[in-house]
Protein backbone atom coordinates (compact mmCIF):
# COMPACT_ATOMS: atom_id res chain seq x y z
CA MET A 1 0.14 -0.10 0.02
CA GLU A 2 1.49 3.37 -0.81
CA LEU A 3 0.41 7.09 0.26
CA VAL A 4 -1.18 9.32 -2.15
CA PRO A 5 -1.88 12.96 -1.96
CA CYS A 6 -5.33 14.22 -0.72
CA THR A 7 -5.90 17.82 -0.70
CA VAL A 8 -9.66 17.59 0.19
CA ALA A 9 -10.29 15.07 2.86
CA ALA A 10 -13.57 16.48 3.89
CA PHE A 11 -15.95 19.16 3.32
CA PRO A 12 -17.05 21.56 6.11
CA GLY A 13 -19.99 20.36 7.97
CA HIS A 14 -18.91 16.64 7.52
CA ASP A 15 -19.66 14.12 10.37
CA GLY A 16 -17.34 12.68 13.00
CA GLY A 17 -16.91 9.40 11.12
CA TYR A 18 -13.79 10.26 9.26
CA ASP A 19 -10.16 8.91 9.98
CA ARG A 20 -8.85 12.33 9.45
CA ASP A 21 -10.48 15.58 7.83
CA THR A 22 -7.14 17.55 6.95
CA PRO A 23 -5.12 17.55 3.71
CA GLY A 24 -2.03 15.18 3.71
CA LEU A 25 -0.76 11.81 2.58
CA TYR A 26 -3.23 8.87 2.82
CA PRO A 27 -2.85 4.94 2.21
CA ASP A 28 -4.83 4.03 -0.89
CA LEU A 29 -2.78 3.06 -3.74
CA LEU A 30 -1.97 -0.81 -4.08
CA ARG A 31 0.90 -0.97 -6.26
CA PRO A 32 1.53 -4.37 -7.73
CA LYS A 33 4.76 -6.00 -6.43
CA PRO A 34 5.74 -8.82 -8.63
CA ASP A 35 8.89 -9.54 -6.66
CA GLY A 36 7.17 -9.11 -3.16
CA GLY A 37 9.68 -6.36 -2.46
CA ILE A 38 8.46 -3.49 -0.04
CA ARG A 39 10.71 -0.76 0.89
CA PRO A 40 10.07 0.51 4.39
CA LEU A 41 10.42 4.29 4.60
CA ALA A 42 11.55 6.21 7.87
CA SER A 43 8.65 8.09 9.54
CA SER A 44 6.17 6.60 6.96
CA TRP A 45 3.42 4.27 6.72
CA THR A 46 3.94 1.10 4.79
CA SER A 47 2.23 -2.29 4.45
CA ALA A 48 1.47 -5.01 1.88
CA TRP A 49 -2.10 -6.23 0.83
CA VAL A 50 -2.08 -9.98 -0.07
CA ASP A 51 -4.86 -11.78 -1.54
CA ILE A 52 -5.50 -15.71 -1.27
CA THR A 53 -7.55 -16.69 -4.31
CA VAL A 54 -9.26 -20.16 -4.56
CA GLU A 55 -10.48 -21.23 -7.81
CA GLY A 56 -12.31 -24.58 -7.12
CA ALA A 57 -14.33 -26.46 -4.74
CA GLU A 58 -11.88 -29.26 -4.62
CA LEU A 59 -9.73 -27.19 -2.21
CA ALA A 60 -12.53 -27.14 0.48
CA GLY A 61 -11.12 -27.60 3.70
CA SER A 62 -8.69 -25.93 6.22
CA HIS A 63 -5.16 -25.21 4.87
CA GLU A 64 -2.12 -24.01 6.72
CA VAL A 65 -0.52 -21.18 4.59
CA PRO A 66 2.85 -20.15 5.82
CA VAL A 67 3.86 -16.23 6.00
CA ARG A 68 7.57 -15.06 5.98
CA VAL A 69 9.09 -11.69 5.72
CA THR A 70 12.60 -11.58 4.82
CA GLY A 71 15.24 -8.59 4.79
CA SER A 72 17.23 -7.66 1.74
CA ALA A 73 19.96 -9.98 2.76
CA GLY A 74 17.53 -12.92 3.16
CA GLU A 75 17.34 -12.86 7.02
CA VAL A 76 13.91 -13.85 8.47
CA LEU A 77 12.31 -11.11 10.01
CA PHE A 78 8.94 -12.54 10.67
CA GLU A 79 7.14 -15.82 10.15
CA ASP A 80 3.84 -17.31 11.06
CA ARG A 81 1.26 -19.78 9.83
CA LEU A 82 -2.27 -18.75 8.87
CA THR A 83 -5.15 -21.11 8.83
CA ILE A 84 -7.51 -20.67 5.81
CA THR A 85 -10.89 -22.42 5.72
CA VAL A 86 -12.33 -22.77 2.20
CA LEU A 87 -16.26 -23.63 2.17
CA GLY A 88 -17.17 -26.10 -0.67
CA ARG A 89 -19.69 -23.66 -2.11
CA ARG A 90 -19.38 -21.09 -4.81
CA LEU A 91 -21.12 -17.78 -4.10
CA PRO A 92 -23.90 -17.06 -6.39
CA GLU A 93 -23.97 -14.18 -8.73
CA LEU A 94 -24.63 -10.66 -7.26
CA ALA A 95 -28.38 -10.33 -7.10
CA ILE A 96 -28.50 -6.78 -7.85
CA VAL A 97 -27.15 -4.19 -10.24
CA ASN A 98 -23.99 -2.83 -9.45
CA SER A 99 -23.09 0.10 -11.68
CA HIS A 100 -20.01 2.21 -11.64
CA TRP A 101 -19.68 4.63 -14.46
CA PHE A 102 -16.95 4.00 -16.77
CA HIS A 103 -15.18 6.98 -18.30
CA CYS A 104 -13.31 6.13 -21.76
CA ASP A 105 -11.86 9.64 -22.25
CA GLY A 106 -9.74 9.49 -19.30
CA LEU A 107 -8.07 6.58 -20.45
CA ALA A 108 -7.21 8.13 -23.66
CA SER A 109 -6.03 11.26 -22.13
CA PHE A 110 -3.83 9.73 -19.39
CA TYR A 111 -2.19 7.20 -21.70
CA GLY A 112 -1.69 9.64 -24.56
CA VAL A 113 -3.50 7.56 -27.03
CA GLU A 114 -6.02 8.09 -29.96
CA VAL A 115 -9.58 7.32 -29.04
CA PHE A 116 -10.62 3.75 -29.92
CA SER A 117 -7.09 2.97 -31.08
CA GLU A 118 -5.68 -0.65 -30.44
CA GLU A 119 -3.88 0.92 -27.45
CA HIS A 120 -7.09 2.44 -26.10
CA TRP A 121 -9.01 -0.72 -26.47
CA ASN A 122 -6.24 -2.61 -24.62
CA ALA A 123 -6.79 -0.20 -21.52
CA ILE A 124 -10.58 -0.31 -22.10
CA ASP A 125 -10.41 -4.12 -21.90
CA LYS A 126 -8.16 -4.43 -18.78
CA PHE A 127 -10.33 -1.70 -16.98
CA ILE A 128 -13.62 -3.33 -17.76
CA ALA A 129 -12.23 -6.71 -16.36
CA SER A 130 -11.02 -4.77 -13.38
CA ALA A 131 -14.38 -3.32 -12.79
CA ALA A 132 -15.70 -6.75 -13.05
CA GLU A 133 -13.40 -7.80 -10.36
CA MET A 134 -14.76 -5.22 -8.05
CA GLY A 135 -18.48 -6.77 -8.40
CA VAL A 136 -19.44 -4.14 -11.11
CA ASN A 137 -22.03 -5.90 -13.53
CA SER A 138 -23.36 -2.78 -15.23
CA LEU A 139 -21.57 -0.35 -17.44
CA LEU A 140 -22.23 2.99 -18.68
CA THR A 141 -21.72 2.62 -22.52
CA PRO A 142 -20.51 5.67 -24.78
CA THR A 143 -22.86 5.30 -27.48
CA TRP A 144 -22.11 8.93 -27.65
CA THR A 145 -20.04 11.03 -25.30
CA PRO A 146 -21.90 10.89 -22.08
CA PRO A 147 -23.10 14.31 -21.18
CA LEU A 148 -22.01 14.13 -17.52
CA ASP A 149 -19.71 16.30 -15.41
CA THR A 150 -19.26 18.85 -18.46
CA ALA A 151 -19.20 22.51 -17.85
CA ILE A 152 -22.04 24.29 -19.57
CA GLY A 153 -20.82 25.37 -22.98
CA GLY A 154 -17.84 23.02 -22.58
CA GLU A 155 -16.95 19.68 -24.14
CA ARG A 156 -15.27 16.39 -22.87
CA LEU A 157 -13.00 14.53 -25.17
CA PRO A 158 -15.28 12.81 -27.45
CA THR A 159 -15.75 9.03 -27.17
CA GLN A 160 -18.57 8.10 -29.39
CA LEU A 161 -19.01 4.30 -30.02
CA ILE A 162 -21.72 4.92 -32.85
CA GLY A 163 -20.52 6.17 -36.20
CA ILE A 164 -23.28 8.46 -37.58
CA ALA A 165 -23.22 9.59 -41.20
CA GLU A 166 -25.62 11.79 -43.09
CA GLY A 167 -26.14 12.05 -46.77
CA GLY A 168 -28.98 13.08 -48.88
CA GLY A 169 -30.90 13.89 -46.00
CA GLU A 170 -30.87 10.39 -44.31
CA TYR A 171 -28.78 9.22 -41.51
CA SER A 172 -26.74 5.91 -41.44
CA PHE A 173 -25.15 4.16 -38.73
CA ASP A 174 -22.10 2.10 -38.04
CA PHE A 175 -22.41 -0.17 -34.89
CA SER A 176 -19.04 -2.00 -35.27
CA LEU A 177 -17.24 -0.14 -32.26
CA LEU A 178 -20.35 -0.70 -30.07
CA GLU A 179 -20.34 -4.49 -30.91
CA ARG A 180 -16.59 -4.69 -29.97
CA TRP A 181 -17.60 -2.92 -26.62
CA LEU A 182 -20.48 -5.45 -26.10
CA GLU A 183 -17.96 -8.44 -26.89
CA ILE A 184 -15.64 -7.17 -24.08
CA CYS A 185 -18.38 -6.52 -21.66
CA ALA A 186 -19.93 -10.09 -22.23
CA ARG A 187 -16.38 -11.88 -21.97
CA HIS A 188 -15.96 -10.23 -18.64
CA GLY A 189 -19.24 -11.02 -17.12
CA ILE A 190 -21.04 -7.74 -17.45
CA LYS A 191 -24.58 -8.32 -17.28
CA TYR A 192 -26.20 -4.98 -17.79
CA LEU A 193 -25.52 -1.96 -20.06
CA GLU A 194 -26.50 1.80 -19.50
CA ILE A 195 -26.85 3.72 -22.51
CA ALA A 196 -25.25 7.12 -22.36
CA HIS A 197 -27.84 9.82 -21.25
CA LEU A 198 -29.84 11.35 -23.94
CA PHE A 199 -29.95 14.89 -22.62
CA THR A 200 -27.58 17.07 -20.73
CA GLN A 201 -26.98 16.81 -16.82
CA TRP A 202 -29.07 18.73 -14.26
CA GLY A 203 -32.40 19.34 -16.06
CA ALA A 204 -32.24 17.88 -19.56
CA ARG A 205 -32.30 21.33 -21.25
CA PHE A 206 -29.76 20.40 -23.84
CA THR A 207 -28.43 17.71 -26.25
CA PRO A 208 -25.38 15.52 -25.78
CA ALA A 209 -22.05 16.40 -27.91
CA ILE A 210 -22.85 14.09 -30.93
CA TYR A 211 -20.67 14.02 -33.79
CA VAL A 212 -21.94 13.39 -37.40
CA THR A 213 -19.99 12.62 -40.60
CA THR A 214 -21.03 14.52 -43.68
CA GLY A 215 -18.60 13.83 -46.54
CA THR A 216 -15.22 12.90 -44.95
CA GLU A 217 -15.39 15.05 -41.96
CA ALA A 218 -17.14 14.37 -38.62
CA VAL A 219 -18.44 17.47 -36.97
CA ARG A 220 -20.11 18.35 -33.78
CA ARG A 221 -23.91 18.50 -34.80
CA PHE A 222 -25.47 18.53 -31.24
CA GLY A 223 -24.39 20.01 -27.92
CA TRP A 224 -25.01 22.64 -25.37
CA ASP A 225 -26.00 24.98 -28.25
CA VAL A 226 -29.01 22.62 -29.55
CA PRO A 227 -31.89 22.79 -27.25
CA ALA A 228 -33.47 19.21 -25.95
CA THR A 229 -36.54 19.91 -27.98
CA ASP A 230 -35.02 20.98 -31.29
CA PRO A 231 -36.83 19.07 -34.19
CA SER A 232 -33.25 18.15 -35.42
CA TYR A 233 -32.57 15.91 -32.34
CA ARG A 234 -35.89 14.35 -32.77
CA ARG A 235 -35.01 13.42 -36.28
CA LEU A 236 -31.87 12.00 -35.25
CA MET A 237 -33.26 10.02 -32.56
CA ALA A 238 -36.24 8.76 -34.49
CA ALA A 239 -33.59 7.20 -36.80
CA LEU A 240 -31.11 6.01 -34.33
CA LEU A 241 -32.88 4.44 -31.42
CA PRO A 242 -34.85 2.06 -33.39
CA GLU A 243 -31.57 0.68 -35.02
CA LEU A 244 -29.80 0.71 -31.60
CA ARG A 245 -32.56 -1.27 -30.29
CA VAL A 246 -32.44 -4.03 -33.20
CA VAL A 247 -28.45 -4.15 -32.37
CA LEU A 248 -28.78 -4.46 -28.68
CA SER A 249 -31.51 -7.24 -29.15
CA GLU A 250 -29.29 -9.17 -31.49
CA HIS A 251 -25.89 -8.83 -29.43
CA TRP A 252 -27.35 -8.35 -26.04
CA SER A 253 -30.64 -8.46 -24.63
CA LEU A 254 -33.00 -5.35 -24.13
CA ASP A 255 -34.31 -6.77 -20.89
CA ARG A 256 -30.60 -5.93 -19.48
CA VAL A 257 -30.31 -2.48 -21.03
CA PHE A 258 -31.14 0.66 -19.04
CA PHE A 259 -31.70 4.05 -20.56
CA HIS A 260 -31.03 7.43 -19.06
CA ILE A 261 -32.73 10.75 -19.75
CA SER A 262 -30.64 13.13 -17.77
CA ASP A 263 -28.68 12.79 -14.53
CA GLU A 264 -29.35 14.53 -11.05
CA PRO A 265 -32.34 16.77 -12.05
CA HIS A 266 -33.91 18.75 -9.14
CA GLY A 267 -36.46 21.57 -8.61
CA GLU A 268 -39.56 22.47 -10.45
CA LYS A 269 -37.76 24.04 -13.49
CA ALA A 270 -35.74 21.07 -13.88
CA LEU A 271 -38.98 18.93 -13.73
CA ALA A 272 -40.49 20.96 -16.39
CA SER A 273 -37.46 20.58 -18.76
CA TYR A 274 -37.08 17.08 -17.89
CA LEU A 275 -40.74 16.27 -18.95
CA GLU A 276 -40.20 18.19 -22.14
CA ALA A 277 -37.03 16.34 -23.02
CA LYS A 278 -38.44 12.86 -22.12
CA ALA A 279 -41.47 13.40 -24.40
CA VAL A 280 -39.12 13.80 -27.32
CA VAL A 281 -38.09 10.23 -27.07
CA ALA A 282 -40.69 8.45 -25.16
CA ASP A 283 -42.22 6.74 -27.74
CA LEU A 284 -39.00 5.56 -28.89
CA LEU A 285 -38.12 4.01 -25.53
CA GLU A 286 -41.43 2.08 -25.30
CA GLY A 287 -40.81 -1.20 -23.56
CA VAL A 288 -37.30 -0.50 -22.24
CA GLU A 289 -36.44 0.41 -18.81
CA VAL A 290 -35.59 4.26 -18.15
CA VAL A 291 -33.60 4.94 -14.87
CA ASP A 292 -32.33 8.30 -13.73
CA ALA A 293 -30.24 9.31 -10.51
CA LEU A 294 -32.17 11.98 -8.42
CA SER A 295 -33.10 12.89 -4.83
CA ASP A 296 -36.10 15.08 -5.58
CA TYR A 297 -39.13 12.91 -4.53
CA ALA A 298 -41.50 15.02 -6.83
CA PHE A 299 -39.97 13.34 -9.85
CA TYR A 300 -41.09 10.18 -8.62
CA THR A 301 -44.58 11.16 -7.56
CA SER A 302 -45.08 13.23 -10.58
CA GLY A 303 -44.51 10.06 -12.57
CA ALA A 304 -41.50 11.71 -14.46
CA VAL A 305 -39.30 8.87 -13.36
CA ASN A 306 -40.66 5.40 -12.72
CA ARG A 307 -37.50 4.06 -11.63
CA PRO A 308 -35.40 6.57 -9.66
CA ILE A 309 -31.92 5.96 -8.31
CA VAL A 310 -32.05 7.62 -5.00
CA ALA A 311 -29.37 9.26 -2.95
CA THR A 312 -28.63 7.19 0.16
CA ASP A 313 -29.49 10.43 2.41
CA ALA A 314 -32.67 11.00 0.54
CA VAL A 315 -34.50 7.32 0.60
CA GLY A 316 -36.83 8.17 3.55
CA PRO A 317 -39.87 9.25 1.55
CA PHE A 318 -39.16 6.50 -1.05
CA LEU A 319 -39.05 3.72 1.55
CA GLU A 320 -42.08 5.21 3.41
CA ALA A 321 -44.06 5.19 0.04
CA GLY A 322 -43.18 1.44 -0.37
CA MET A 323 -41.14 1.49 -3.39
CA ASP A 324 -40.06 -1.80 -4.49
CA ARG A 325 -36.89 -2.69 -6.40
CA LEU A 326 -35.19 0.43 -5.31
CA TRP A 327 -31.86 1.56 -6.46
CA VAL A 328 -29.73 3.85 -4.57
CA TYR A 329 -26.48 5.94 -5.09
CA TYR A 330 -23.92 7.95 -3.34
CA CYS A 331 -21.42 10.44 -4.44
CA THR A 332 -19.62 13.64 -3.20
CA ALA A 333 -22.81 15.16 -1.69
CA GLN A 334 -23.22 12.12 0.76
CA ASP A 335 -20.65 12.98 3.18
CA ALA A 336 -22.51 13.10 6.57
CA GLY A 337 -24.40 10.24 8.26
CA VAL A 338 -24.45 7.53 5.62
CA ALA A 339 -21.86 5.19 4.01
CA ASN A 340 -19.37 6.28 1.25
CA ARG A 341 -15.78 5.54 0.14
CA PHE A 342 -13.79 8.64 0.42
CA ILE A 343 -10.11 8.09 1.04
CA ALA A 344 -10.31 9.66 4.53
CA MET A 345 -13.08 7.49 5.83
CA PRO A 346 -12.52 4.08 7.61
CA SER A 347 -13.04 1.02 5.69
CA ALA A 348 -16.10 0.11 7.47
CA ARG A 349 -18.00 2.86 6.20
CA ASN A 350 -17.25 1.60 2.62
CA ARG A 351 -17.91 -2.37 3.65
CA VAL A 352 -21.42 -1.43 5.33
CA LEU A 353 -22.99 -0.91 1.93
CA GLY A 354 -23.28 -4.60 1.19
CA HIS A 355 -25.15 -5.01 4.53
CA GLN A 356 -27.27 -1.94 3.95
CA LEU A 357 -28.26 -2.84 0.28
CA PHE A 358 -29.53 -6.48 1.55
CA ALA A 359 -31.22 -5.26 4.58
CA MET A 360 -33.22 -2.53 2.51
CA LYS A 361 -33.97 -4.82 -0.23
CA CYS A 362 -32.39 -2.57 -2.86
CA SER A 363 -32.35 -4.00 -6.37
CA GLY A 364 -29.46 -1.64 -7.50
CA PHE A 365 -26.63 0.63 -6.48
CA LEU A 366 -24.79 3.39 -8.74
CA HIS A 367 -21.70 5.42 -8.43
CA TRP A 368 -20.67 7.85 -11.08
CA GLY A 369 -16.93 7.48 -10.93
CA PHE A 370 -14.86 4.24 -11.50
CA ASN A 371 -12.10 5.91 -13.47
CA PHE A 372 -13.02 9.56 -13.85
CA TYR A 373 -9.62 11.33 -14.46
CA ASN A 374 -10.73 14.84 -15.15
CA THR A 375 -11.33 18.05 -13.00
CA ALA A 376 -14.90 18.94 -12.06
CA TYR A 377 -16.87 19.61 -15.06
CA SER A 378 -14.10 18.08 -17.24
CA VAL A 379 -12.23 21.40 -17.65
CA SER A 380 -8.88 19.57 -17.98
CA SER A 381 -7.67 16.06 -17.21
CA ILE A 382 -5.55 15.06 -14.13
CA ASP A 383 -2.81 12.75 -12.95
CA PRO A 384 -4.70 10.66 -10.51
CA PHE A 385 -1.28 9.70 -8.86
CA LYS A 386 -0.94 13.43 -8.02
CA ASP A 387 -4.27 14.42 -7.64
CA THR A 388 -7.11 12.52 -5.97
CA CYS A 389 -9.64 15.03 -5.71
CA ALA A 390 -10.41 16.11 -9.26
CA GLY A 391 -8.77 19.42 -9.09
CA GLY A 392 -9.63 20.02 -5.55
CA ASN A 393 -13.39 19.79 -6.24
CA PHE A 394 -14.23 16.74 -4.59
CA GLN A 395 -13.22 14.64 -1.53
CA GLY A 396 -10.18 12.38 -2.29
CA GLY A 397 -11.26 9.16 -3.84
CA ASP A 398 -14.80 10.18 -4.96
CA SER A 399 -14.05 9.98 -8.67
CA PHE A 400 -12.06 6.96 -9.12
CA MET A 401 -11.51 3.46 -7.68
CA VAL A 402 -8.59 2.56 -9.53
CA TYR A 403 -5.43 4.05 -10.61
CA PRO A 404 -3.98 3.86 -14.32
CA GLY A 405 -0.94 1.70 -14.06
CA ASP A 406 1.62 0.64 -16.58
CA GLU A 407 0.68 -0.36 -20.11
CA GLY A 408 -3.11 0.29 -19.60
CA THR A 409 -3.16 -1.84 -16.56
CA PRO A 410 -5.53 -0.57 -13.63
CA TRP A 411 -4.01 -0.73 -10.23
CA ALA A 412 -6.46 -1.24 -7.33
CA SER A 413 -6.97 1.05 -4.39
CA ILE A 414 -7.82 -0.02 -0.78
CA ARG A 415 -11.31 1.28 -1.56
CA PHE A 416 -11.81 -1.15 -4.40
CA LYS A 417 -10.82 -4.23 -2.37
CA ILE A 418 -13.26 -3.13 0.34
CA PHE A 419 -15.97 -2.64 -1.90
CA ALA A 420 -15.23 -5.87 -3.65
CA GLN A 421 -15.80 -7.46 -0.28
CA ALA A 422 -19.07 -5.48 0.49
CA MET A 423 -20.36 -7.17 -2.85
CA ALA A 424 -19.12 -10.54 -1.80
CA ASP A 425 -20.84 -10.02 1.49
CA HIS A 426 -24.01 -9.47 -0.45
CA ARG A 427 -23.61 -12.52 -2.34
CA ALA A 428 -23.04 -14.67 0.89
CA PHE A 429 -26.11 -13.02 2.32
CA THR A 430 -28.09 -14.14 -0.63
CA LEU A 431 -26.65 -17.66 -0.51
CA LEU A 432 -27.55 -17.94 3.21
CA GLU A 433 -31.06 -16.65 2.51
CA GLU A 434 -31.58 -19.35 -0.01
CA LEU A 435 -30.31 -21.99 2.40
CA ALA A 436 -31.93 -20.91 5.69
CA GLY A 437 -34.24 -18.04 4.78
CA ARG A 438 -34.01 -14.24 5.10
CA ALA A 439 -34.50 -14.17 8.93
CA ALA A 440 -31.13 -15.89 9.37
CA VAL A 441 -29.19 -13.33 7.62
CA MET A 442 -30.94 -10.57 9.35
CA ASP A 443 -30.40 -12.06 12.83
CA ILE A 444 -26.86 -11.52 11.84
CA ILE A 445 -26.33 -8.16 10.19
CA ASP A 446 -29.29 -6.08 11.28
CA SER A 447 -27.54 -4.07 13.74
CA ASN A 448 -26.31 -0.43 14.05
CA GLY A 449 -23.89 -1.18 16.76
CA GLN A 450 -25.93 0.88 19.36
CA GLY A 451 -28.99 -1.41 19.88
CA GLY A 452 -30.93 -0.49 16.89
CA PRO A 453 -31.57 -1.89 13.59
CA LEU A 454 -29.32 -1.09 10.46
CA ALA A 455 -30.43 1.69 8.18
CA MET A 456 -28.86 3.67 5.53
CA ASP A 457 -28.31 6.61 8.12
CA SER A 458 -27.63 4.23 11.10
CA PHE A 459 -24.84 1.54 11.08
CA ASN A 460 -21.92 0.03 12.95
CA TYR A 461 -18.73 1.73 12.76
CA ASP A 462 -16.62 -1.27 14.26
CA PRO A 463 -14.46 -2.60 11.47
CA VAL A 464 -14.58 -5.90 13.53
CA HIS A 465 -18.22 -6.20 13.20
CA TYR A 466 -17.96 -6.70 9.39
CA LEU A 467 -15.39 -9.43 9.70
CA ARG A 468 -17.31 -11.11 12.68
CA SER A 469 -20.68 -11.04 10.74
CA ARG A 470 -19.24 -12.39 7.73
CA GLN A 471 -17.43 -15.22 9.78
CA GLN A 472 -20.96 -15.86 11.42
CA VAL A 473 -22.61 -15.84 7.89
CA ASN A 474 -20.03 -18.47 6.54
CA GLU A 475 -20.65 -20.60 9.59
CA ALA A 476 -24.22 -20.60 8.99
CA ILE A 477 -23.91 -21.41 5.13
CA ALA A 478 -21.53 -24.46 6.46
CA GLY A 479 -24.09 -25.65 8.75
CA ALA A 480 -27.01 -25.38 6.31
CA THR A 481 -25.12 -26.98 3.49
CA PRO A 482 -26.01 -30.72 3.16
């Protein structure tokens, strides 16, 4: 584990559940050490993270694993033996949607390669594989450059999978890059796809930056300068979305595809513009699932969003209304009283999510930043080894879970590993529920550490609790397995 700079550990008004709240160096980066060598530094924090991977049930049982640390001259500094117990059951697939938005532009910018060149595809492949290792099973797909975290009037590096050409007043489409993306996702076990948002963030007032080729040159035809209700955008969508649905039906499955209108709309004005934008494409999206992240309850009660993805600190009204199949999300704003994954937070606050998602019967989780390597609003790119706070705009670690390592290879963070454990917890809870009933799981995990039930805003901060509860679940699985 290596230290990384964190200029924004916490925002003013945060709660007391942080390890520290001041700028400094924090442990986070898990740089691979193929030779096993670690160089301790004076007056600094150094440690190693070791994973033990079990591939098959034939290894079920208890195993003695030797651990030895030697010095540079080969002298033994420490040694011990650990007992590892392997259960003879494979965890089921994650029973919920777990989405972390994937950002192709950051990979091209950091590695200095052309968008969708072979070098870029190499990095995309490796980063998607890494996301799957973290339990991610749904990926945001850049059918066109996602209109997210982009300054009004600005533009992110274009990453558009669908080739769009116009000639003779008619549109034609090239889906070959999208098909390559689908093949990579399928190969790495990604189960769901999210199509890039159809309108801009924070209210759906404008169109995404979409490039169209006329003749031999691709030019930006849509963007912040084209209103959501412009007839030219409707004409494009009327041609594109039916063909896109056919391609997805042939190469994927439409019941495992989610469409988005606009991200995080809120307020009466945004509700009006959201409804106007949605009307532009509503008939073209008939029969597919539309989901959007929001916190404004009015967007749900008005019928504007049938499947909201609700901020974890705003779930109260939705739960009270008895909403089923609830999705939740957290991001930079959820910094007090709820779970999150900032670098300055203790790992228990990251791992609790698996318990919460199971206890609240949530059907999905969303986070916006698996590998966002830009400043806020994508004004410029960053080096995540030097800047973990998106140019000082977000708490350290909010915008990415992996670091861009050598040759397009992602390097994990502590937060990556803990989040993967949270999803593995959820899978174990699902297995025990199948074997012994839901009550058997809840008897173990339904505690906030203060005598009350587990909730989104009330949970146990004791790290030992999560190790102990998982051990108890494992033992219950072993006892219930014939």
